[in-house]
Amino acid sequence: MTSRVSGGSRFGGQSFLDLCLPKIRTARALMDKHGLETWLQVDGGVSLETIERCAEAGADVFVAGSAVFSADDPDAMVAALRAKAEGVGSQSL
C-alpha cells in the first residue's frame, strides 16, 4: 500500500488539500506503468465532498476518520462514502 497525506498531519479534522490530487494521479500512473498491483491510500480531509475527486485521481483506499466518527450515523456515512467512491469506478466502464 502507498499512502498520500492529503491534509495537514498531526491531528484529525484537517481540511482536504486539492494540491495533493496531482500527486495521487502521478503515483497511480507510476504504479500502473510498472504493473504494480498496490493500493493507493488517501489520508486527510476525506469526506462526502472530497472522496470522488480522490477516487478519480486514482486512490482506492480512503481514511475518513472525522467524516465517519463525527457523523450522526457512522454506518450510514461509511455506506455513503463507499457508494461515492465506487460510483467513480463504474462511470469509467
N, C-alpha and C. Protein backbone atom coordinates (compact mmCIF):
# COMPACT_ATOMS: atom_id res chain seq x y z
N MET A 1 0.84 -1.16 0.00
CA MET A 1 0.00 0.00 0.00
C MET A 1 0.90 1.24 0.00
N THR A 2 0.50 2.22 -0.79
CA THR A 2 1.15 3.52 -0.81
C THR A 2 0.16 4.51 -0.23
N SER A 3 0.63 5.43 0.58
CA SER A 3 -0.25 6.39 1.24
C SER A 3 0.14 7.81 0.87
N ARG A 4 -0.86 8.65 0.62
CA ARG A 4 -0.68 10.07 0.38
C ARG A 4 -1.41 10.81 1.49
N VAL A 5 -0.73 11.68 2.18
CA VAL A 5 -1.38 12.51 3.19
C VAL A 5 -1.94 13.71 2.46
N SER A 6 -3.26 13.90 2.56
CA SER A 6 -3.91 14.95 1.78
C SER A 6 -4.43 16.08 2.66
N GLY A 7 -4.07 16.08 3.91
CA GLY A 7 -4.41 17.15 4.83
C GLY A 7 -3.18 17.40 5.68
N GLY A 8 -3.27 18.38 6.53
CA GLY A 8 -2.15 18.60 7.44
C GLY A 8 -2.02 17.42 8.39
N SER A 9 -0.83 17.10 8.79
CA SER A 9 -0.66 15.97 9.69
C SER A 9 -0.75 16.42 11.15
N ARG A 10 -0.71 15.50 12.04
CA ARG A 10 -0.69 15.68 13.48
C ARG A 10 -2.02 15.39 14.15
N PHE A 11 -3.14 15.76 13.56
CA PHE A 11 -4.42 15.50 14.24
C PHE A 11 -5.54 15.40 13.23
N GLY A 12 -6.66 14.80 13.65
CA GLY A 12 -7.82 14.62 12.79
C GLY A 12 -8.55 15.91 12.52
N GLY A 13 -9.42 15.86 11.53
CA GLY A 13 -10.26 17.01 11.21
C GLY A 13 -9.62 18.01 10.29
N GLN A 14 -8.51 17.63 9.67
CA GLN A 14 -7.83 18.55 8.75
C GLN A 14 -8.64 18.73 7.47
N SER A 15 -8.49 19.88 6.84
CA SER A 15 -9.13 20.13 5.55
C SER A 15 -8.39 19.39 4.45
N PHE A 16 -9.14 18.99 3.44
CA PHE A 16 -8.53 18.34 2.28
C PHE A 16 -7.78 19.38 1.47
N LEU A 17 -6.60 19.00 0.99
CA LEU A 17 -5.78 19.90 0.18
C LEU A 17 -5.79 19.42 -1.26
N ASP A 18 -6.46 20.18 -2.14
CA ASP A 18 -6.57 19.79 -3.55
C ASP A 18 -5.21 19.68 -4.23
N LEU A 19 -4.20 20.35 -3.70
CA LEU A 19 -2.88 20.28 -4.31
C LEU A 19 -2.30 18.87 -4.25
N CYS A 20 -2.93 17.99 -3.49
CA CYS A 20 -2.48 16.59 -3.43
C CYS A 20 -3.01 15.75 -4.60
N LEU A 21 -4.04 16.23 -5.29
CA LEU A 21 -4.63 15.43 -6.37
C LEU A 21 -3.63 15.11 -7.49
N PRO A 22 -2.81 16.06 -7.95
CA PRO A 22 -1.81 15.70 -8.97
C PRO A 22 -0.82 14.65 -8.46
N LYS A 23 -0.49 14.69 -7.19
CA LYS A 23 0.44 13.70 -6.63
C LYS A 23 -0.20 12.31 -6.61
N ILE A 24 -1.49 12.27 -6.34
CA ILE A 24 -2.22 10.99 -6.36
C ILE A 24 -2.24 10.45 -7.79
N ARG A 25 -2.54 11.34 -8.76
CA ARG A 25 -2.57 10.92 -10.17
C ARG A 25 -1.20 10.39 -10.61
N THR A 26 -0.15 11.09 -10.22
CA THR A 26 1.21 10.68 -10.58
C THR A 26 1.55 9.33 -9.97
N ALA A 27 1.23 9.16 -8.70
CA ALA A 27 1.50 7.89 -8.04
C ALA A 27 0.76 6.76 -8.73
N ARG A 28 -0.51 6.97 -9.07
CA ARG A 28 -1.30 5.93 -9.75
C ARG A 28 -0.70 5.63 -11.12
N ALA A 29 -0.32 6.66 -11.86
CA ALA A 29 0.25 6.46 -13.20
C ALA A 29 1.55 5.66 -13.12
N LEU A 30 2.39 5.96 -12.15
CA LEU A 30 3.64 5.23 -11.99
C LEU A 30 3.40 3.77 -11.61
N MET A 31 2.44 3.55 -10.71
CA MET A 31 2.13 2.18 -10.31
C MET A 31 1.60 1.39 -11.50
N ASP A 32 0.72 2.02 -12.29
CA ASP A 32 0.17 1.35 -13.47
C ASP A 32 1.26 1.08 -14.51
N LYS A 33 2.12 2.06 -14.73
CA LYS A 33 3.20 1.93 -15.72
C LYS A 33 4.11 0.74 -15.41
N HIS A 34 4.37 0.54 -14.14
CA HIS A 34 5.28 -0.52 -13.72
C HIS A 34 4.56 -1.82 -13.32
N GLY A 35 3.26 -1.85 -13.56
CA GLY A 35 2.49 -3.06 -13.31
C GLY A 35 2.36 -3.42 -11.84
N LEU A 36 2.41 -2.43 -10.98
CA LEU A 36 2.29 -2.70 -9.55
C LEU A 36 0.82 -2.79 -9.14
N GLU A 37 0.47 -3.87 -8.51
CA GLU A 37 -0.88 -4.05 -8.00
C GLU A 37 -0.87 -3.64 -6.53
N THR A 38 -0.86 -2.34 -6.31
CA THR A 38 -0.73 -1.77 -4.97
C THR A 38 -1.89 -0.84 -4.70
N TRP A 39 -2.41 -0.90 -3.51
CA TRP A 39 -3.46 0.05 -3.13
C TRP A 39 -2.84 1.42 -2.95
N LEU A 40 -3.62 2.45 -3.30
CA LEU A 40 -3.19 3.84 -3.12
C LEU A 40 -4.16 4.50 -2.14
N GLN A 41 -3.66 4.79 -0.97
CA GLN A 41 -4.48 5.31 0.14
C GLN A 41 -4.38 6.83 0.23
N VAL A 42 -5.50 7.47 0.53
CA VAL A 42 -5.55 8.90 0.80
C VAL A 42 -5.99 9.08 2.25
N ASP A 43 -5.24 9.87 2.98
CA ASP A 43 -5.49 10.09 4.40
C ASP A 43 -5.46 11.59 4.68
N GLY A 44 -6.61 12.14 5.03
CA GLY A 44 -6.68 13.55 5.41
C GLY A 44 -7.76 14.29 4.66
N GLY A 45 -8.80 14.69 5.36
CA GLY A 45 -9.85 15.50 4.77
C GLY A 45 -10.80 14.75 3.85
N VAL A 46 -10.78 13.43 3.90
CA VAL A 46 -11.68 12.65 3.05
C VAL A 46 -13.09 12.74 3.62
N SER A 47 -14.02 13.15 2.77
CA SER A 47 -15.42 13.34 3.18
C SER A 47 -16.32 13.10 1.97
N LEU A 48 -17.62 13.27 2.16
CA LEU A 48 -18.54 13.14 1.04
C LEU A 48 -18.23 14.16 -0.06
N GLU A 49 -17.65 15.28 0.32
CA GLU A 49 -17.34 16.34 -0.64
C GLU A 49 -16.04 16.09 -1.40
N THR A 50 -15.17 15.23 -0.89
CA THR A 50 -13.85 15.05 -1.50
C THR A 50 -13.55 13.65 -2.01
N ILE A 51 -14.29 12.67 -1.60
CA ILE A 51 -13.92 11.28 -1.92
C ILE A 51 -13.98 10.99 -3.42
N GLU A 52 -14.91 11.60 -4.14
CA GLU A 52 -14.98 11.35 -5.58
C GLU A 52 -13.73 11.88 -6.29
N ARG A 53 -13.27 13.06 -5.90
CA ARG A 53 -12.05 13.61 -6.52
C ARG A 53 -10.86 12.70 -6.26
N CYS A 54 -10.79 12.16 -5.05
CA CYS A 54 -9.69 11.24 -4.71
C CYS A 54 -9.76 9.98 -5.55
N ALA A 55 -10.95 9.42 -5.69
CA ALA A 55 -11.12 8.20 -6.49
C ALA A 55 -10.82 8.47 -7.95
N GLU A 56 -11.28 9.60 -8.48
CA GLU A 56 -11.00 9.95 -9.87
C GLU A 56 -9.50 10.10 -10.11
N ALA A 57 -8.77 10.57 -9.10
CA ALA A 57 -7.32 10.74 -9.22
C ALA A 57 -6.58 9.41 -9.16
N GLY A 58 -7.24 8.36 -8.67
CA GLY A 58 -6.61 7.04 -8.66
C GLY A 58 -6.51 6.37 -7.31
N ALA A 59 -6.97 7.03 -6.27
CA ALA A 59 -6.94 6.40 -4.94
C ALA A 59 -8.01 5.31 -4.86
N ASP A 60 -7.70 4.27 -4.08
CA ASP A 60 -8.68 3.21 -3.90
C ASP A 60 -8.84 2.78 -2.44
N VAL A 61 -8.14 3.47 -1.54
CA VAL A 61 -8.30 3.27 -0.10
C VAL A 61 -8.40 4.65 0.51
N PHE A 62 -9.35 4.84 1.42
CA PHE A 62 -9.64 6.18 1.94
C PHE A 62 -9.72 6.15 3.46
N VAL A 63 -9.01 7.06 4.11
CA VAL A 63 -9.09 7.22 5.56
C VAL A 63 -10.00 8.43 5.80
N ALA A 64 -11.15 8.18 6.39
CA ALA A 64 -12.15 9.23 6.58
C ALA A 64 -12.60 9.28 8.03
N GLY A 65 -11.64 9.31 8.93
CA GLY A 65 -11.94 9.23 10.36
C GLY A 65 -12.92 10.28 10.85
N SER A 66 -12.63 11.54 10.62
CA SER A 66 -13.51 12.60 11.14
C SER A 66 -14.88 12.55 10.48
N ALA A 67 -14.91 12.27 9.17
CA ALA A 67 -16.20 12.20 8.48
C ALA A 67 -17.07 11.10 9.07
N VAL A 68 -16.46 9.98 9.40
CA VAL A 68 -17.21 8.84 9.92
C VAL A 68 -17.57 9.04 11.39
N PHE A 69 -16.58 9.38 12.21
CA PHE A 69 -16.82 9.39 13.65
C PHE A 69 -17.55 10.64 14.15
N SER A 70 -17.65 11.67 13.30
CA SER A 70 -18.44 12.83 13.70
C SER A 70 -19.85 12.77 13.13
N ALA A 71 -20.13 11.76 12.33
CA ALA A 71 -21.47 11.60 11.73
C ALA A 71 -22.46 11.11 12.78
N ASP A 72 -23.72 11.52 12.61
CA ASP A 72 -24.78 11.04 13.49
C ASP A 72 -24.94 9.52 13.38
N ASP A 73 -24.75 9.01 12.17
CA ASP A 73 -24.86 7.58 11.92
C ASP A 73 -23.60 7.12 11.18
N PRO A 74 -22.57 6.71 11.91
CA PRO A 74 -21.31 6.32 11.27
C PRO A 74 -21.47 5.22 10.21
N ASP A 75 -22.34 4.23 10.48
CA ASP A 75 -22.53 3.16 9.49
C ASP A 75 -23.09 3.71 8.19
N ALA A 76 -24.04 4.63 8.28
CA ALA A 76 -24.62 5.24 7.08
C ALA A 76 -23.57 6.08 6.35
N MET A 77 -22.70 6.75 7.10
CA MET A 77 -21.65 7.55 6.48
C MET A 77 -20.68 6.67 5.72
N VAL A 78 -20.28 5.55 6.30
CA VAL A 78 -19.38 4.62 5.60
C VAL A 78 -20.04 4.14 4.31
N ALA A 79 -21.31 3.80 4.37
CA ALA A 79 -22.03 3.34 3.18
C ALA A 79 -22.09 4.43 2.12
N ALA A 80 -22.34 5.66 2.52
CA ALA A 80 -22.41 6.78 1.57
C ALA A 80 -21.05 7.06 0.94
N LEU A 81 -20.00 7.03 1.76
CA LEU A 81 -18.64 7.24 1.23
C LEU A 81 -18.28 6.13 0.25
N ARG A 82 -18.56 4.91 0.62
CA ARG A 82 -18.26 3.77 -0.25
C ARG A 82 -19.00 3.89 -1.58
N ALA A 83 -20.28 4.26 -1.52
CA ALA A 83 -21.08 4.40 -2.74
C ALA A 83 -20.50 5.46 -3.66
N LYS A 84 -20.08 6.58 -3.10
CA LYS A 84 -19.50 7.66 -3.93
C LYS A 84 -18.19 7.20 -4.57
N ALA A 85 -17.33 6.56 -3.80
CA ALA A 85 -16.05 6.10 -4.33
C ALA A 85 -16.26 5.02 -5.41
N GLU A 86 -17.15 4.08 -5.16
CA GLU A 86 -17.40 3.02 -6.12
C GLU A 86 -18.09 3.56 -7.36
N GLY A 87 -18.88 4.61 -7.22
CA GLY A 87 -19.56 5.23 -8.36
C GLY A 87 -18.59 5.78 -9.38
N VAL A 88 -17.45 6.25 -8.94
CA VAL A 88 -16.44 6.78 -9.85
C VAL A 88 -15.92 5.68 -10.74
N GLY A 89 -15.64 4.52 -10.16
CA GLY A 89 -15.12 3.40 -10.93
C GLY A 89 -16.12 2.90 -11.96
N SER A 90 -17.39 2.90 -11.63
CA SER A 90 -18.38 2.37 -12.55
C SER A 90 -18.62 3.33 -13.72
N GLN A 91 -18.33 4.62 -13.54
CA GLN A 91 -18.51 5.58 -14.62
C GLN A 91 -17.50 5.37 -15.73
N SER A 92 -16.33 4.81 -15.40
CA SER A 92 -15.29 4.64 -16.39
C SER A 92 -15.42 3.34 -17.19
N LEU A 93 -16.38 2.49 -16.82
CA LEU A 93 -16.55 1.21 -17.53
C LEU A 93 -17.30 1.39 -18.83
